[in-house]
Amino acid sequence: MQKLRNLFGLPVLITGTGAQIGEVKEVLLDLEQAAVRGIVLAGANWFTNDQGVVFEDVFRIGRDALMLRATYAVQELKPAMMPGTVYYLCDLLDKQIYTDAGLSFGILVDALYNSTTGEIKAYEISDGLITDLLYGRKIMPLPQAQVVGQDRLIIPDAMTNLLIPESKEV
């Protein structure tokens, strides 16, 4: 599994020509379907900031670049244009997480996903710098039910039993 935050800034290249058509600016997520829906590009078009590719049109995601087969995959891409409830990754990161029982759970710092299928598997959660340094961050499987508020996420209280240290595989 890879971290979604690592996609930011990756060059987007065309496999047939080697041309760079932009960089990854943002990632679109559908939390209800637990899936990456699209990649928003910076520098793809001078006239609009809403250019991107749907995840199905991505050929491969490597450590150092995101690969497309052709430039025709680039299209206008906004959350409102997609089915379901779609969020920008940046709108979710750094939100405080609370359980529905009122317990503070930490801060959402990243999401883990399968780069082949686009399936979102888990959240990476921080309890603060000192705790992160002493014990590491925690990994929590993606909650099936969650409420996304302006400044926080609300998750079921049962998720507290599913936290695991970052070093273990989900």
Protein backbone atom coordinates (compact mmCIF):
# COMPACT_ATOMS: atom_id res chain seq x y z
CA MET A 1 0.00 0.00 0.00
CA GLN A 2 1.06 3.53 -0.71
CA LYS A 3 0.29 6.86 0.92
CA LEU A 4 -1.90 9.25 -1.04
CA ARG A 5 0.00 12.32 0.16
CA ASN A 6 3.07 11.02 -1.70
CA LEU A 7 1.29 11.64 -5.01
CA PHE A 8 1.38 15.43 -4.61
CA GLY A 9 3.94 17.00 -6.93
CA LEU A 10 4.63 13.86 -8.98
CA PRO A 11 5.16 14.57 -12.68
CA VAL A 12 2.46 13.20 -14.99
CA LEU A 13 4.06 11.65 -18.06
CA ILE A 14 2.77 10.18 -21.32
CA THR A 15 4.22 6.68 -21.83
CA GLY A 16 4.37 6.87 -25.64
CA THR A 17 6.21 10.20 -25.92
CA GLY A 18 7.76 10.83 -22.52
CA ALA A 19 6.15 14.29 -22.48
CA GLN A 20 5.27 15.78 -19.11
CA ILE A 21 1.76 17.22 -19.15
CA GLY A 22 1.62 18.45 -15.58
CA GLU A 23 2.07 17.51 -11.95
CA VAL A 24 -0.29 15.98 -9.42
CA LYS A 25 -1.99 18.84 -7.61
CA GLU A 26 -4.84 17.05 -5.84
CA VAL A 27 -6.54 13.67 -5.45
CA LEU A 28 -10.30 13.08 -5.57
CA LEU A 29 -11.67 10.48 -3.14
CA ASP A 30 -15.03 8.74 -2.83
CA LEU A 31 -15.17 7.68 0.82
CA GLU A 32 -18.49 5.83 0.45
CA GLN A 33 -16.98 3.56 -2.21
CA ALA A 34 -13.49 3.65 -0.58
CA ALA A 35 -11.91 4.59 -3.91
CA VAL A 36 -9.64 7.12 -5.57
CA ARG A 37 -11.78 8.69 -8.31
CA GLY A 38 -9.36 11.06 -9.99
CA ILE A 39 -6.14 13.02 -10.08
CA VAL A 40 -6.21 16.81 -10.54
CA LEU A 41 -3.25 18.23 -12.46
CA ALA A 42 -1.34 21.47 -12.08
CA GLY A 43 0.01 22.94 -15.30
CA ALA A 44 -2.14 20.82 -17.64
CA ASN A 45 -4.00 23.80 -19.09
CA TRP A 46 -3.34 27.52 -18.80
CA PHE A 47 -7.04 28.41 -18.82
CA THR A 48 -8.49 26.26 -16.06
CA ASN A 49 -7.39 24.66 -12.79
CA ASP A 50 -9.87 21.80 -13.07
CA GLN A 51 -7.98 19.53 -15.46
CA GLY A 52 -7.29 15.97 -14.45
CA VAL A 53 -7.73 12.29 -15.17
CA VAL A 54 -10.17 9.76 -13.78
CA PHE A 55 -8.37 6.97 -11.97
CA GLU A 56 -9.35 4.35 -14.55
CA ASP A 57 -7.33 6.28 -17.19
CA VAL A 58 -4.12 6.16 -15.14
CA PHE A 59 -1.73 3.60 -16.63
CA ARG A 60 0.62 3.25 -13.66
CA ILE A 61 1.58 5.07 -10.49
CA GLY A 62 5.25 4.74 -9.73
CA ARG A 63 7.40 6.07 -6.93
CA ASP A 64 8.66 8.95 -9.08
CA ALA A 65 5.93 9.60 -11.69
CA LEU A 66 2.33 9.00 -12.67
CA MET A 67 2.03 7.48 -16.15
CA LEU A 68 -0.75 7.97 -18.72
CA ARG A 69 -1.08 6.27 -22.10
CA ALA A 70 -2.25 9.42 -23.94
CA THR A 71 -3.09 13.09 -23.40
CA TYR A 72 -6.74 12.54 -24.39
CA ALA A 73 -7.27 11.14 -20.87
CA VAL A 74 -6.95 14.70 -19.49
CA GLN A 75 -10.36 16.27 -19.04
CA GLU A 76 -12.26 18.73 -16.88
CA LEU A 77 -12.46 17.16 -13.43
CA LYS A 78 -14.39 18.43 -10.39
CA PRO A 79 -15.90 16.61 -7.41
CA ALA A 80 -19.38 17.81 -8.39
CA MET A 81 -19.04 16.08 -11.78
CA MET A 82 -18.53 12.65 -10.21
CA PRO A 83 -21.14 10.24 -8.87
CA GLY A 84 -21.40 9.86 -5.11
CA THR A 85 -19.86 12.08 -2.48
CA VAL A 86 -16.36 12.99 -3.64
CA TYR A 87 -13.82 14.96 -1.61
CA TYR A 88 -10.46 16.55 -2.32
CA LEU A 89 -7.76 14.82 -0.28
CA CYS A 90 -6.52 18.19 1.04
CA ASP A 91 -10.00 18.85 2.47
CA LEU A 92 -9.71 15.71 4.60
CA LEU A 93 -6.08 15.87 5.73
CA ASP A 94 -5.26 17.43 9.10
CA LYS A 95 -8.82 17.11 10.37
CA GLN A 96 -9.38 16.11 13.98
CA ILE A 97 -11.04 12.69 14.32
CA TYR A 98 -13.63 12.02 17.02
CA THR A 99 -15.63 8.90 17.77
CA ASP A 100 -19.42 9.10 17.97
CA ALA A 101 -18.95 8.53 21.73
CA GLY A 102 -17.09 11.85 21.97
CA LEU A 103 -13.48 10.63 22.23
CA SER A 104 -10.69 12.44 20.39
CA PHE A 105 -8.92 9.95 18.16
CA GLY A 106 -6.10 12.04 16.69
CA ILE A 107 -5.48 13.88 13.44
CA LEU A 108 -5.85 12.40 9.96
CA VAL A 109 -2.44 12.79 8.30
CA ASP A 110 -2.74 10.47 5.30
CA ALA A 111 -4.72 7.71 3.62
CA LEU A 112 -3.29 4.40 2.40
CA TYR A 113 -4.43 3.01 -0.93
CA ASN A 114 -3.78 0.27 -3.47
CA SER A 115 -2.06 1.98 -6.42
CA THR A 116 -3.31 -0.64 -8.89
CA THR A 117 -7.02 -0.66 -7.99
CA GLY A 118 -7.38 2.77 -6.35
CA GLU A 119 -9.02 1.21 -3.31
CA ILE A 120 -8.58 3.25 -0.12
CA LYS A 121 -7.61 0.83 2.64
CA ALA A 122 -6.80 2.80 5.79
CA TYR A 123 -6.14 6.12 7.49
CA GLU A 124 -2.85 7.15 9.05
CA ILE A 125 -3.50 8.96 12.34
CA SER A 126 -1.25 11.15 14.48
CA ASP A 127 -1.59 11.73 18.21
CA GLY A 128 0.90 14.59 18.12
CA LEU A 129 4.61 15.02 17.44
CA ILE A 130 5.89 13.60 20.74
CA THR A 131 3.65 10.52 20.60
CA ASP A 132 4.54 10.00 16.93
CA LEU A 133 8.25 10.09 17.76
CA LEU A 134 7.96 7.79 20.78
CA TYR A 135 5.39 5.27 19.53
CA GLY A 136 4.83 5.99 15.85
CA ARG A 137 1.62 6.86 14.08
CA LYS A 138 -1.40 4.60 14.09
CA ILE A 139 -3.13 2.95 11.15
CA MET A 140 -6.90 2.51 11.17
CA PRO A 141 -8.89 0.59 8.55
CA LEU A 142 -11.16 2.91 6.59
CA PRO A 143 -14.41 3.29 8.56
CA GLN A 144 -17.49 2.11 6.69
CA ALA A 145 -19.50 4.93 8.23
CA GLN A 146 -18.10 8.37 8.86
CA VAL A 147 -19.27 11.96 8.91
CA VAL A 148 -17.06 14.56 7.26
CA GLY A 149 -17.52 17.94 8.88
CA GLN A 150 -15.83 21.22 8.10
CA ASP A 151 -13.12 20.78 10.73
CA ARG A 152 -13.45 17.17 11.89
CA LEU A 153 -14.37 13.60 11.07
CA ILE A 154 -16.77 11.56 13.19
CA ILE A 155 -16.25 7.79 13.16
CA PRO A 156 -17.95 4.88 14.96
CA ASP A 157 -16.65 4.23 18.48
CA ALA A 158 -15.91 0.60 17.52
CA MET A 159 -12.99 1.83 15.39
CA THR A 160 -10.93 2.40 18.56
CA ASN A 161 -10.43 -1.38 18.77
CA LEU A 162 -8.99 -1.53 15.24
CA LEU A 163 -5.99 0.79 15.64
CA ILE A 164 -2.63 -0.79 14.86
CA PRO A 165 0.92 0.61 14.93
CA GLU A 166 2.13 2.06 11.62
CA SER A 167 4.87 -0.54 11.16
CA LYS A 168 2.40 -3.42 10.82
CA GLU A 169 0.67 -4.28 7.55
CA VAL A 170 -3.08 -3.58 7.23
